[in-house]
């Protein structure tokens, strides 16, 4: 008889409580590794329980608590098993999503989500991702924005991402999809994916690790580009960074504006100037000052805008 979700969640909580108590003996660590390898659902439940446990540590600082609420290890274990309610009440970069069907991030926020099948979805700023995990398929609809997926292997259930007319399919791999007005960028960091559009379902291309492709809603997949360094830079947002390697100031400003409500603007005379560097996504003023120093320009800062202009 196959395990039900509650039993798996309970076992995951027990493992987390043992880890929290101290270093596991070798035989118990081997047992944990064996349990995780048995079923992709075990890995997903373990990640959710681990994240909920961490969030509970933060929640203990909240000022409101019932007087009769238990504070023992059993309370923490019970709350980990019911981690969805706990996670919803605590803000953080890791959001647990075991039952809802949509993940939405506001401007400037990134969320790393453990899905029930054991996959991980890292959702970038200002994005909306709908998830439907069924017995025979795993379908994720990217309505806007960008997400990177670390897909749990399950050959019986293909993993399909839909972004407008663009489709990307994988079994066990890692890749990102960024929805554009006229298509989507697909970048692969591990394994291989297959991509096409609903307009031309027979025109498909395979994209391997270290490669990228733009898939047009109208024209379908363009030429696949093997550029591992470009892929790594484009995905620097997963660690809260923007990596520039000769992009124009106009393009750099557009990238910073994805993450910040205070707009970065460039004088037309400087828009085509190019810049190299790594910056935090939430530090557009640091970038502006660095660019201005390099280009002998000036920076004008107001409440709503950071403007780079010639001296």
C-alpha atoms as a PDB file:
ATOM      1  CA  UNK A   1       0.000   0.000   0.000  1.00  0.00           C
ATOM      2  CA  UNK A   2       1.403   3.403  -0.961  1.00  0.00           C
ATOM      3  CA  UNK A   3       1.977   6.024   1.696  1.00  0.00           C
ATOM      4  CA  UNK A   4      -0.481   8.872   2.001  1.00  0.00           C
ATOM      5  CA  UNK A   5       0.598  12.499   2.181  1.00  0.00           C
ATOM      6  CA  UNK A   6      -0.065  12.886   5.904  1.00  0.00           C
ATOM      7  CA  UNK A   7       2.105   9.876   6.783  1.00  0.00           C
ATOM      8  CA  UNK A   8       4.949  11.193   4.640  1.00  0.00           C
ATOM      9  CA  UNK A   9       4.686  14.673   6.182  1.00  0.00           C
ATOM     10  CA  UNK A  10       4.706  13.171   9.676  1.00  0.00           C
ATOM     11  CA  UNK A  11       7.807  11.101   8.954  1.00  0.00           C
ATOM     12  CA  UNK A  12       9.559  14.140   7.467  1.00  0.00           C
ATOM     13  CA  UNK A  13       8.769  16.104  10.631  1.00  0.00           C
ATOM     14  CA  UNK A  14      10.236  13.336  12.757  1.00  0.00           C
ATOM     15  CA  UNK A  15      13.485  13.411  10.778  1.00  0.00           C
ATOM     16  CA  UNK A  16      13.714  17.199  11.105  1.00  0.00           C
ATOM     17  CA  UNK A  17      13.180  17.025  14.868  1.00  0.00           C
ATOM     18  CA  UNK A  18      15.991  14.457  15.138  1.00  0.00           C
ATOM     19  CA  UNK A  19      18.322  16.667  13.108  1.00  0.00           C
ATOM     20  CA  UNK A  20      17.423  19.659  15.266  1.00  0.00           C
ATOM     21  CA  UNK A  21      18.365  17.706  18.388  1.00  0.00           C
ATOM     22  CA  UNK A  22      21.935  17.195  17.159  1.00  0.00           C
ATOM     23  CA  UNK A  23      24.173  15.360  14.717  1.00  0.00           C
ATOM     24  CA  UNK A  24      22.663  12.056  13.555  1.00  0.00           C
ATOM     25  CA  UNK A  25      24.608   8.825  14.170  1.00  0.00           C
ATOM     26  CA  UNK A  26      25.913   7.203  10.981  1.00  0.00           C
ATOM     27  CA  UNK A  27      23.227   4.507  10.926  1.00  0.00           C
ATOM     28  CA  UNK A  28      20.425   7.080  11.289  1.00  0.00           C
ATOM     29  CA  UNK A  29      21.935   9.304   8.597  1.00  0.00           C
ATOM     30  CA  UNK A  30      22.071   6.305   6.269  1.00  0.00           C
ATOM     31  CA  UNK A  31      18.431   5.569   7.106  1.00  0.00           C
ATOM     32  CA  UNK A  32      17.479   9.169   6.286  1.00  0.00           C
ATOM     33  CA  UNK A  33      19.307   9.067   2.958  1.00  0.00           C
ATOM     34  CA  UNK A  34      17.573   5.806   2.143  1.00  0.00           C
ATOM     35  CA  UNK A  35      14.165   7.235   3.013  1.00  0.00           C
ATOM     36  CA  UNK A  36      14.762  10.318   0.847  1.00  0.00           C
ATOM     37  CA  UNK A  37      15.784   8.124  -2.094  1.00  0.00           C
ATOM     38  CA  UNK A  38      12.707   5.891  -1.863  1.00  0.00           C
ATOM     39  CA  UNK A  39      10.187   8.377  -3.238  1.00  0.00           C
ATOM     40  CA  UNK A  40      10.360  11.878  -4.745  1.00  0.00           C
ATOM     41  CA  UNK A  41       7.522  12.845  -2.377  1.00  0.00           C
ATOM     42  CA  UNK A  42       9.827  12.177   0.581  1.00  0.00           C
ATOM     43  CA  UNK A  43      12.282  14.808  -0.642  1.00  0.00           C
ATOM     44  CA  UNK A  44       9.548  17.398  -1.103  1.00  0.00           C
ATOM     45  CA  UNK A  45       8.067  16.701   2.338  1.00  0.00           C
ATOM     46  CA  UNK A  46      11.523  16.911   3.928  1.00  0.00           C
ATOM     47  CA  UNK A  47      12.209  20.310   2.312  1.00  0.00           C
ATOM     48  CA  UNK A  48       8.832  21.647   3.419  1.00  0.00           C
ATOM     49  CA  UNK A  49       9.328  20.392   6.972  1.00  0.00           C
ATOM     50  CA  UNK A  50      12.842  21.834   7.134  1.00  0.00           C
ATOM     51  CA  UNK A  51      11.632  25.233   5.945  1.00  0.00           C
ATOM     52  CA  UNK A  52       8.668  25.250   8.327  1.00  0.00           C
ATOM     53  CA  UNK A  53      11.020  24.382  11.215  1.00  0.00           C
ATOM     54  CA  UNK A  54      13.219  27.355  10.354  1.00  0.00           C
ATOM     55  CA  UNK A  55      10.205  29.630  10.100  1.00  0.00           C
ATOM     56  CA  UNK A  56       8.980  28.471  13.506  1.00  0.00           C
ATOM     57  CA  UNK A  57      12.215  29.728  15.036  1.00  0.00           C
ATOM     58  CA  UNK A  58      11.428  33.157  13.594  1.00  0.00           C
ATOM     59  CA  UNK A  59       7.780  32.958  14.657  1.00  0.00           C
ATOM     60  CA  UNK A  60       8.759  32.553  18.321  1.00  0.00           C
ATOM     61  CA  UNK A  61       9.614  36.290  18.305  1.00  0.00           C
ATOM     62  CA  UNK A  62       6.042  37.259  17.412  1.00  0.00           C
ATOM     63  CA  UNK A  63       4.377  39.252  20.235  1.00  0.00           C
ATOM     64  CA  UNK A  64       1.005  37.486  20.176  1.00  0.00           C
ATOM     65  CA  UNK A  65       0.756  33.946  21.554  1.00  0.00           C
ATOM     66  CA  UNK A  66      -1.979  32.042  23.387  1.00  0.00           C
ATOM     67  CA  UNK A  67      -1.178  31.398  27.007  1.00  0.00           C
ATOM     68  CA  UNK A  68      -2.198  27.751  26.723  1.00  0.00           C
ATOM     69  CA  UNK A  69      -0.211  27.166  23.521  1.00  0.00           C
ATOM     70  CA  UNK A  70       2.308  24.332  24.027  1.00  0.00           C
ATOM     71  CA  UNK A  71       5.964  25.294  23.646  1.00  0.00           C
ATOM     72  CA  UNK A  72       7.570  21.853  23.707  1.00  0.00           C
ATOM     73  CA  UNK A  73       9.215  19.921  20.910  1.00  0.00           C
ATOM     74  CA  UNK A  74       5.863  18.216  20.298  1.00  0.00           C
ATOM     75  CA  UNK A  75       4.292  21.595  19.502  1.00  0.00           C
ATOM     76  CA  UNK A  76       7.004  22.334  16.985  1.00  0.00           C
ATOM     77  CA  UNK A  77       6.612  18.919  15.398  1.00  0.00           C
ATOM     78  CA  UNK A  78       2.842  19.368  15.123  1.00  0.00           C
ATOM     79  CA  UNK A  79       3.255  22.757  13.521  1.00  0.00           C
ATOM     80  CA  UNK A  80       5.812  21.443  11.061  1.00  0.00           C
ATOM     81  CA  UNK A  81       3.363  18.745   9.968  1.00  0.00           C
ATOM     82  CA  UNK A  82       0.835  21.521   9.390  1.00  0.00           C
ATOM     83  CA  UNK A  83       3.515  23.747   7.884  1.00  0.00           C
ATOM     84  CA  UNK A  84       1.277  25.469   5.339  1.00  0.00           C
ATOM     85  CA  UNK A  85      -0.599  27.485   7.967  1.00  0.00           C
ATOM     86  CA  UNK A  86       2.597  28.372   9.797  1.00  0.00           C
ATOM     87  CA  UNK A  87       4.419  29.505   6.680  1.00  0.00           C
ATOM     88  CA  UNK A  88       1.515  31.653   5.552  1.00  0.00           C
ATOM     89  CA  UNK A  89       1.746  33.628   8.784  1.00  0.00           C
ATOM     90  CA  UNK A  90       5.467  34.339   8.602  1.00  0.00           C
ATOM     91  CA  UNK A  91       7.134  36.451   5.931  1.00  0.00           C
ATOM     92  CA  UNK A  92      10.432  35.293   4.448  1.00  0.00           C
ATOM     93  CA  UNK A  93      12.288  34.467   1.256  1.00  0.00           C
ATOM     94  CA  UNK A  94      11.140  30.831   1.410  1.00  0.00           C
ATOM     95  CA  UNK A  95       7.404  30.329   0.929  1.00  0.00           C
ATOM     96  CA  UNK A  96       5.803  26.934   1.517  1.00  0.00           C
ATOM     97  CA  UNK A  97       3.090  26.036  -0.935  1.00  0.00           C
ATOM     98  CA  UNK A  98       1.628  22.569  -0.445  1.00  0.00           C
ATOM     99  CA  UNK A  99      -2.038  23.244  -1.248  1.00  0.00           C
ATOM    100  CA  UNK A 100      -2.574  26.575  -3.024  1.00  0.00           C
ATOM    101  CA  UNK A 101      -2.453  26.690  -6.815  1.00  0.00           C
ATOM    102  CA  UNK A 102      -0.666  29.987  -7.408  1.00  0.00           C
ATOM    103  CA  UNK A 103       2.586  31.637  -6.368  1.00  0.00           C
ATOM    104  CA  UNK A 104       2.819  35.390  -6.836  1.00  0.00           C
ATOM    105  CA  UNK A 105       5.744  37.677  -6.026  1.00  0.00           C
ATOM    106  CA  UNK A 106       5.586  41.477  -5.787  1.00  0.00           C
ATOM    107  CA  UNK A 107       8.295  43.767  -7.165  1.00  0.00           C
ATOM    108  CA  UNK A 108      11.604  43.094  -5.436  1.00  0.00           C
ATOM    109  CA  UNK A 109      10.702  39.714  -3.911  1.00  0.00           C
ATOM    110  CA  UNK A 110      11.979  36.244  -4.809  1.00  0.00           C
ATOM    111  CA  UNK A 111      10.541  32.995  -3.444  1.00  0.00           C
ATOM    112  CA  UNK A 112      11.968  29.498  -3.375  1.00  0.00           C
ATOM    113  CA  UNK A 113       9.135  26.997  -3.268  1.00  0.00           C
ATOM    114  CA  UNK A 114       9.265  23.279  -2.472  1.00  0.00           C
ATOM    115  CA  UNK A 115       6.564  21.559  -4.529  1.00  0.00           C
ATOM    116  CA  UNK A 116       4.861  18.362  -3.431  1.00  0.00           C
ATOM    117  CA  UNK A 117       6.487  16.251  -6.144  1.00  0.00           C
ATOM    118  CA  UNK A 118       9.948  17.079  -4.807  1.00  0.00           C
ATOM    119  CA  UNK A 119      10.687  19.757  -7.400  1.00  0.00           C
ATOM    120  CA  UNK A 120      11.844  23.254  -6.492  1.00  0.00           C
ATOM    121  CA  UNK A 121      10.512  26.427  -8.132  1.00  0.00           C
ATOM    122  CA  UNK A 122      12.474  29.641  -7.578  1.00  0.00           C
ATOM    123  CA  UNK A 123      10.178  32.501  -8.582  1.00  0.00           C
ATOM    124  CA  UNK A 124      11.677  35.864  -9.500  1.00  0.00           C
ATOM    125  CA  UNK A 125      10.384  39.396  -8.904  1.00  0.00           C
ATOM    126  CA  UNK A 126       6.919  40.465 -10.106  1.00  0.00           C
ATOM    127  CA  UNK A 127       5.926  36.987 -11.270  1.00  0.00           C
ATOM    128  CA  UNK A 128       2.821  34.805 -11.220  1.00  0.00           C
ATOM    129  CA  UNK A 129       3.072  31.025 -11.441  1.00  0.00           C
ATOM    130  CA  UNK A 130       0.119  28.626 -11.374  1.00  0.00           C
ATOM    131  CA  UNK A 131       0.826  25.000 -10.485  1.00  0.00           C
ATOM    132  CA  UNK A 132      -1.212  21.863 -11.144  1.00  0.00           C
ATOM    133  CA  UNK A 133       0.405  18.596 -10.023  1.00  0.00           C
ATOM    134  CA  UNK A 134      -1.687  15.650 -11.178  1.00  0.00           C
ATOM    135  CA  UNK A 135      -1.205  11.888 -11.242  1.00  0.00           C
ATOM    136  CA  UNK A 136      -0.078  11.795 -14.885  1.00  0.00           C
ATOM    137  CA  UNK A 137       1.218  15.332 -15.526  1.00  0.00           C
ATOM    138  CA  UNK A 138       2.828  18.300 -13.815  1.00  0.00           C
ATOM    139  CA  UNK A 139       1.739  21.547 -15.433  1.00  0.00           C
ATOM    140  CA  UNK A 140       2.968  25.005 -14.412  1.00  0.00           C
ATOM    141  CA  UNK A 141       1.617  28.144 -16.055  1.00  0.00           C
ATOM    142  CA  UNK A 142       3.866  31.206 -15.972  1.00  0.00           C
ATOM    143  CA  UNK A 143       1.425  34.086 -16.412  1.00  0.00           C
ATOM    144  CA  UNK A 144       4.124  36.733 -15.996  1.00  0.00           C
ATOM    145  CA  UNK A 145       7.709  37.114 -14.868  1.00  0.00           C
ATOM    146  CA  UNK A 146      10.371  34.440 -14.492  1.00  0.00           C
ATOM    147  CA  UNK A 147      11.045  31.215 -12.631  1.00  0.00           C
ATOM    148  CA  UNK A 148      13.792  28.610 -12.372  1.00  0.00           C
ATOM    149  CA  UNK A 149      12.830  24.972 -11.892  1.00  0.00           C
ATOM    150  CA  UNK A 150      14.833  22.125 -10.366  1.00  0.00           C
ATOM    151  CA  UNK A 151      12.683  19.222 -11.525  1.00  0.00           C
ATOM    152  CA  UNK A 152      12.349  15.981  -9.595  1.00  0.00           C
ATOM    153  CA  UNK A 153      12.739  12.979 -11.893  1.00  0.00           C
ATOM    154  CA  UNK A 154       9.444  11.243 -12.622  1.00  0.00           C
ATOM    155  CA  UNK A 155       9.220   9.739 -16.114  1.00  0.00           C
ATOM    156  CA  UNK A 156       5.566   8.862 -15.586  1.00  0.00           C
ATOM    157  CA  UNK A 157       4.698  12.535 -15.082  1.00  0.00           C
ATOM    158  CA  UNK A 158       6.234  14.976 -17.592  1.00  0.00           C
ATOM    159  CA  UNK A 159       6.951  18.457 -16.199  1.00  0.00           C
ATOM    160  CA  UNK A 160       5.468  21.102 -18.529  1.00  0.00           C
ATOM    161  CA  UNK A 161       5.802  24.884 -18.244  1.00  0.00           C
ATOM    162  CA  UNK A 162       3.426  27.066 -20.274  1.00  0.00           C
ATOM    163  CA  UNK A 163       4.285  30.737 -20.855  1.00  0.00           C
ATOM    164  CA  UNK A 164       1.740  32.245 -23.220  1.00  0.00           C
ATOM    165  CA  UNK A 165       2.015  30.196 -26.408  1.00  0.00           C
ATOM    166  CA  UNK A 166       5.418  28.799 -25.431  1.00  0.00           C
ATOM    167  CA  UNK A 167       5.784  25.288 -24.009  1.00  0.00           C
ATOM    168  CA  UNK A 168       8.820  23.774 -22.268  1.00  0.00           C
ATOM    169  CA  UNK A 169       8.898  20.119 -21.224  1.00  0.00           C
ATOM    170  CA  UNK A 170      11.320  18.215 -19.007  1.00  0.00           C
ATOM    171  CA  UNK A 171      11.420  15.057 -16.919  1.00  0.00           C
ATOM    172  CA  UNK A 172      14.305  15.583 -14.505  1.00  0.00           C
ATOM    173  CA  UNK A 173      16.407  18.657 -15.177  1.00  0.00           C
ATOM    174  CA  UNK A 174      16.896  22.302 -14.203  1.00  0.00           C
ATOM    175  CA  UNK A 175      15.932  25.276 -16.337  1.00  0.00           C
ATOM    176  CA  UNK A 176      14.412  28.741 -16.282  1.00  0.00           C
ATOM    177  CA  UNK A 177      11.639  30.410 -18.252  1.00  0.00           C
ATOM    178  CA  UNK A 178      11.179  34.170 -18.539  1.00  0.00           C
ATOM    179  CA  UNK A 179       7.941  35.320 -20.164  1.00  0.00           C
ATOM    180  CA  UNK A 180       8.248  38.171 -22.654  1.00  0.00           C
ATOM    181  CA  UNK A 181       5.551  40.123 -24.498  1.00  0.00           C
ATOM    182  CA  UNK A 182       6.300  38.176 -27.697  1.00  0.00           C
ATOM    183  CA  UNK A 183       7.544  34.847 -26.383  1.00  0.00           C
ATOM    184  CA  UNK A 184       9.854  33.469 -23.710  1.00  0.00           C
ATOM    185  CA  UNK A 185      13.540  33.014 -22.894  1.00  0.00           C
ATOM    186  CA  UNK A 186      14.497  29.452 -21.945  1.00  0.00           C
ATOM    187  CA  UNK A 187      17.814  28.763 -20.170  1.00  0.00           C
ATOM    188  CA  UNK A 188      18.957  25.274 -19.179  1.00  0.00           C
ATOM    189  CA  UNK A 189      21.358  24.634 -16.304  1.00  0.00           C
ATOM    190  CA  UNK A 190      21.081  20.838 -16.085  1.00  0.00           C
ATOM    191  CA  UNK A 191      19.885  18.080 -18.395  1.00  0.00           C
ATOM    192  CA  UNK A 192      17.830  18.775 -21.526  1.00  0.00           C
ATOM    193  CA  UNK A 193      14.438  20.327 -22.238  1.00  0.00           C
ATOM    194  CA  UNK A 194      12.212  20.365 -25.305  1.00  0.00           C
ATOM    195  CA  UNK A 195      10.457  23.577 -26.346  1.00  0.00           C
ATOM    196  CA  UNK A 196       7.847  24.604 -28.900  1.00  0.00           C
ATOM    197  CA  UNK A 197       4.746  26.797 -29.314  1.00  0.00           C
ATOM    198  CA  UNK A 198       1.066  26.018 -29.581  1.00  0.00           C
ATOM    199  CA  UNK A 199       1.123  27.694 -33.007  1.00  0.00           C
ATOM    200  CA  UNK A 200       3.626  25.176 -34.385  1.00  0.00           C
ATOM    201  CA  UNK A 201       3.688  22.116 -32.098  1.00  0.00           C
ATOM    202  CA  UNK A 202       5.785  20.069 -34.559  1.00  0.00           C
ATOM    203  CA  UNK A 203       8.565  22.650 -34.713  1.00  0.00           C
ATOM    204  CA  UNK A 204      10.446  21.607 -31.594  1.00  0.00           C
ATOM    205  CA  UNK A 205      13.981  22.129 -30.376  1.00  0.00           C
ATOM    206  CA  UNK A 206      16.012  20.461 -27.671  1.00  0.00           C
ATOM    207  CA  UNK A 207      18.047  22.702 -25.397  1.00  0.00           C
ATOM    208  CA  UNK A 208      20.913  21.205 -23.392  1.00  0.00           C
ATOM    209  CA  UNK A 209      22.617  22.335 -20.194  1.00  0.00           C
ATOM    210  CA  UNK A 210      24.591  25.557 -20.612  1.00  0.00           C
ATOM    211  CA  UNK A 211      22.425  26.699 -23.521  1.00  0.00           C
ATOM    212  CA  UNK A 212      19.680  29.224 -24.069  1.00  0.00           C
ATOM    213  CA  UNK A 213      17.022  29.948 -26.670  1.00  0.00           C
ATOM    214  CA  UNK A 214      14.342  32.562 -27.322  1.00  0.00           C
ATOM    215  CA  UNK A 215      11.005  31.041 -28.312  1.00  0.00           C
ATOM    216  CA  UNK A 216       8.812  33.434 -30.266  1.00  0.00           C
ATOM    217  CA  UNK A 217       5.036  33.157 -29.992  1.00  0.00           C
ATOM    218  CA  UNK A 218       4.859  33.556 -33.769  1.00  0.00           C
ATOM    219  CA  UNK A 219       8.090  32.115 -35.177  1.00  0.00           C
ATOM    220  CA  UNK A 220       8.758  29.409 -32.600  1.00  0.00           C
ATOM    221  CA  UNK A 221      12.222  28.527 -31.227  1.00  0.00           C
ATOM    222  CA  UNK A 222      15.152  30.514 -32.598  1.00  0.00           C
ATOM    223  CA  UNK A 223      18.703  29.166 -32.854  1.00  0.00           C
ATOM    224  CA  UNK A 224      19.899  27.509 -29.662  1.00  0.00           C
ATOM    225  CA  UNK A 225      22.974  29.257 -28.249  1.00  0.00           C
ATOM    226  CA  UNK A 226      25.518  27.305 -26.227  1.00  0.00           C
ATOM    227  CA  UNK A 227      26.785  29.903 -23.750  1.00  0.00           C
ATOM    228  CA  UNK A 228      27.196  28.581 -20.208  1.00  0.00           C
ATOM    229  CA  UNK A 229      28.699  31.847 -18.931  1.00  0.00           C
ATOM    230  CA  UNK A 230      25.734  33.816 -20.285  1.00  0.00           C
ATOM    231  CA  UNK A 231      23.321  31.408 -18.644  1.00  0.00           C
ATOM    232  CA  UNK A 232      25.076  31.781 -15.283  1.00  0.00           C
ATOM    233  CA  UNK A 233      24.994  35.595 -15.498  1.00  0.00           C
ATOM    234  CA  UNK A 234      21.353  35.645 -16.557  1.00  0.00           C
ATOM    235  CA  UNK A 235      20.455  33.549 -13.517  1.00  0.00           C
ATOM    236  CA  UNK A 236      22.430  35.622 -11.012  1.00  0.00           C
ATOM    237  CA  UNK A 237      19.059  36.881  -9.720  1.00  0.00           C
ATOM    238  CA  UNK A 238      18.700  33.604  -7.797  1.00  0.00           C
ATOM    239  CA  UNK A 239      21.328  34.942  -5.382  1.00  0.00           C
ATOM    240  CA  UNK A 240      19.929  38.495  -5.457  1.00  0.00           C
ATOM    241  CA  UNK A 241      22.384  39.852  -8.018  1.00  0.00           C
ATOM    242  CA  UNK A 242      22.473  41.434 -11.464  1.00  0.00           C
ATOM    243  CA  UNK A 243      25.488  40.502 -13.594  1.00  0.00           C
ATOM    244  CA  UNK A 244      26.369  42.947 -16.363  1.00  0.00           C
ATOM    245  CA  UNK A 245      28.826  42.006 -19.088  1.00  0.00           C
ATOM    246  CA  UNK A 246      28.757  44.841 -21.585  1.00  0.00           C
ATOM    247  CA  UNK A 247      25.014  45.532 -21.542  1.00  0.00           C
ATOM    248  CA  UNK A 248      23.936  49.066 -22.410  1.00  0.00           C
ATOM    249  CA  UNK A 249      22.925  51.413 -19.600  1.00  0.00           C
ATOM    250  CA  UNK A 250      19.412  51.374 -21.044  1.00  0.00           C
ATOM    251  CA  UNK A 251      19.227  47.583 -20.704  1.00  0.00           C
ATOM    252  CA  UNK A 252      20.841  47.688 -17.264  1.00  0.00           C
ATOM    253  CA  UNK A 253      18.269  50.219 -16.068  1.00  0.00           C
ATOM    254  CA  UNK A 254      15.433  48.030 -17.351  1.00  0.00           C
ATOM    255  CA  UNK A 255      16.867  45.093 -15.387  1.00  0.00           C
ATOM    256  CA  UNK A 256      17.175  47.069 -12.127  1.00  0.00           C
ATOM    257  CA  UNK A 257      13.658  48.408 -12.584  1.00  0.00           C
ATOM    258  CA  UNK A 258      12.312  44.844 -12.441  1.00  0.00           C
ATOM    259  CA  UNK A 259      13.288  44.749  -8.757  1.00  0.00           C
ATOM    260  CA  UNK A 260      12.736  48.296  -7.493  1.00  0.00           C
ATOM    261  CA  UNK A 261       9.851  50.759  -7.338  1.00  0.00           C
ATOM    262  CA  UNK A 262      12.220  53.734  -7.445  1.00  0.00           C
ATOM    263  CA  UNK A 263      12.967  53.966 -11.147  1.00  0.00           C
ATOM    264  CA  UNK A 264      16.455  54.098 -12.635  1.00  0.00           C
ATOM    265  CA  UNK A 265      16.477  56.345 -15.714  1.00  0.00           C
ATOM    266  CA  UNK A 266      19.225  57.126 -18.213  1.00  0.00           C
ATOM    267  CA  UNK A 267      19.747  60.319 -20.206  1.00  0.00           C
ATOM    268  CA  UNK A 268      19.382  59.550 -23.951  1.00  0.00           C
ATOM    269  CA  UNK A 269      22.980  60.630 -24.502  1.00  0.00           C
ATOM    270  CA  UNK A 270      24.171  57.760 -22.274  1.00  0.00           C
ATOM    271  CA  UNK A 271      21.683  55.002 -23.078  1.00  0.00           C
ATOM    272  CA  UNK A 272      24.023  53.134 -25.446  1.00  0.00           C
ATOM    273  CA  UNK A 273      27.064  53.276 -23.159  1.00  0.00           C
ATOM    274  CA  UNK A 274      28.070  49.826 -21.925  1.00  0.00           C
ATOM    275  CA  UNK A 275      29.010  48.604 -18.483  1.00  0.00           C
ATOM    276  CA  UNK A 276      30.464  45.550 -16.725  1.00  0.00           C
ATOM    277  CA  UNK A 277      29.942  44.569 -13.098  1.00  0.00           C
ATOM    278  CA  UNK A 278      28.012  42.612 -10.456  1.00  0.00           C
ATOM    279  CA  UNK A 279      25.459  44.424  -8.279  1.00  0.00           C
ATOM    280  CA  UNK A 280      22.732  43.610  -5.781  1.00  0.00           C
ATOM    281  CA  UNK A 281      19.261  43.755  -7.304  1.00  0.00           C
ATOM    282  CA  UNK A 282      18.098  46.156  -4.564  1.00  0.00           C
ATOM    283  CA  UNK A 283      20.985  48.605  -4.961  1.00  0.00           C
ATOM    284  CA  UNK A 284      20.324  50.602  -8.140  1.00  0.00           C
ATOM    285  CA  UNK A 285      21.925  53.702  -6.633  1.00  0.00           C
ATOM    286  CA  UNK A 286      25.209  51.817  -6.114  1.00  0.00           C
ATOM    287  CA  UNK A 287      25.141  50.860  -9.791  1.00  0.00           C
ATOM    288  CA  UNK A 288      24.299  54.426 -10.808  1.00  0.00           C
ATOM    289  CA  UNK A 289      27.198  55.868  -8.843  1.00  0.00           C
ATOM    290  CA  UNK A 290      29.623  53.294 -10.282  1.00  0.00           C
ATOM    291  CA  UNK A 291      28.436  53.932 -13.842  1.00  0.00           C
ATOM    292  CA  UNK A 292      28.595  57.705 -13.361  1.00  0.00           C
ATOM    293  CA  UNK A 293      32.155  57.526 -12.055  1.00  0.00           C
ATOM    294  CA  UNK A 294      33.252  55.380 -14.990  1.00  0.00           C
ATOM    295  CA  UNK A 295      31.524  57.538 -17.599  1.00  0.00           C
ATOM    296  CA  UNK A 296      32.250  60.931 -16.016  1.00  0.00           C
ATOM    297  CA  UNK A 297      28.515  61.468 -15.542  1.00  0.00           C
ATOM    298  CA  UNK A 298      26.360  62.616 -12.647  1.00  0.00           C
ATOM    299  CA  UNK A 299      23.575  61.039 -10.595  1.00  0.00           C
ATOM    300  CA  UNK A 300      20.452  62.901  -9.506  1.00  0.00           C
ATOM    301  CA  UNK A 301      18.457  61.112  -6.803  1.00  0.00           C
ATOM    302  CA  UNK A 302      14.873  61.838  -5.755  1.00  0.00           C
ATOM    303  CA  UNK A 303      12.232  59.893  -3.856  1.00  0.00           C
ATOM    304  CA  UNK A 304      10.926  58.230  -7.017  1.00  0.00           C
ATOM    305  CA  UNK A 305      13.877  58.259  -9.430  1.00  0.00           C
ATOM    306  CA  UNK A 306      17.596  57.748  -9.835  1.00  0.00           C
ATOM    307  CA  UNK A 307      18.760  59.546 -12.979  1.00  0.00           C
ATOM    308  CA  UNK A 308      22.154  59.224 -14.701  1.00  0.00           C
ATOM    309  CA  UNK A 309      23.015  62.202 -16.901  1.00  0.00           C
ATOM    310  CA  UNK A 310      26.104  63.735 -18.520  1.00  0.00           C
ATOM    311  CA  UNK A 311      27.931  66.386 -16.489  1.00  0.00           C
END
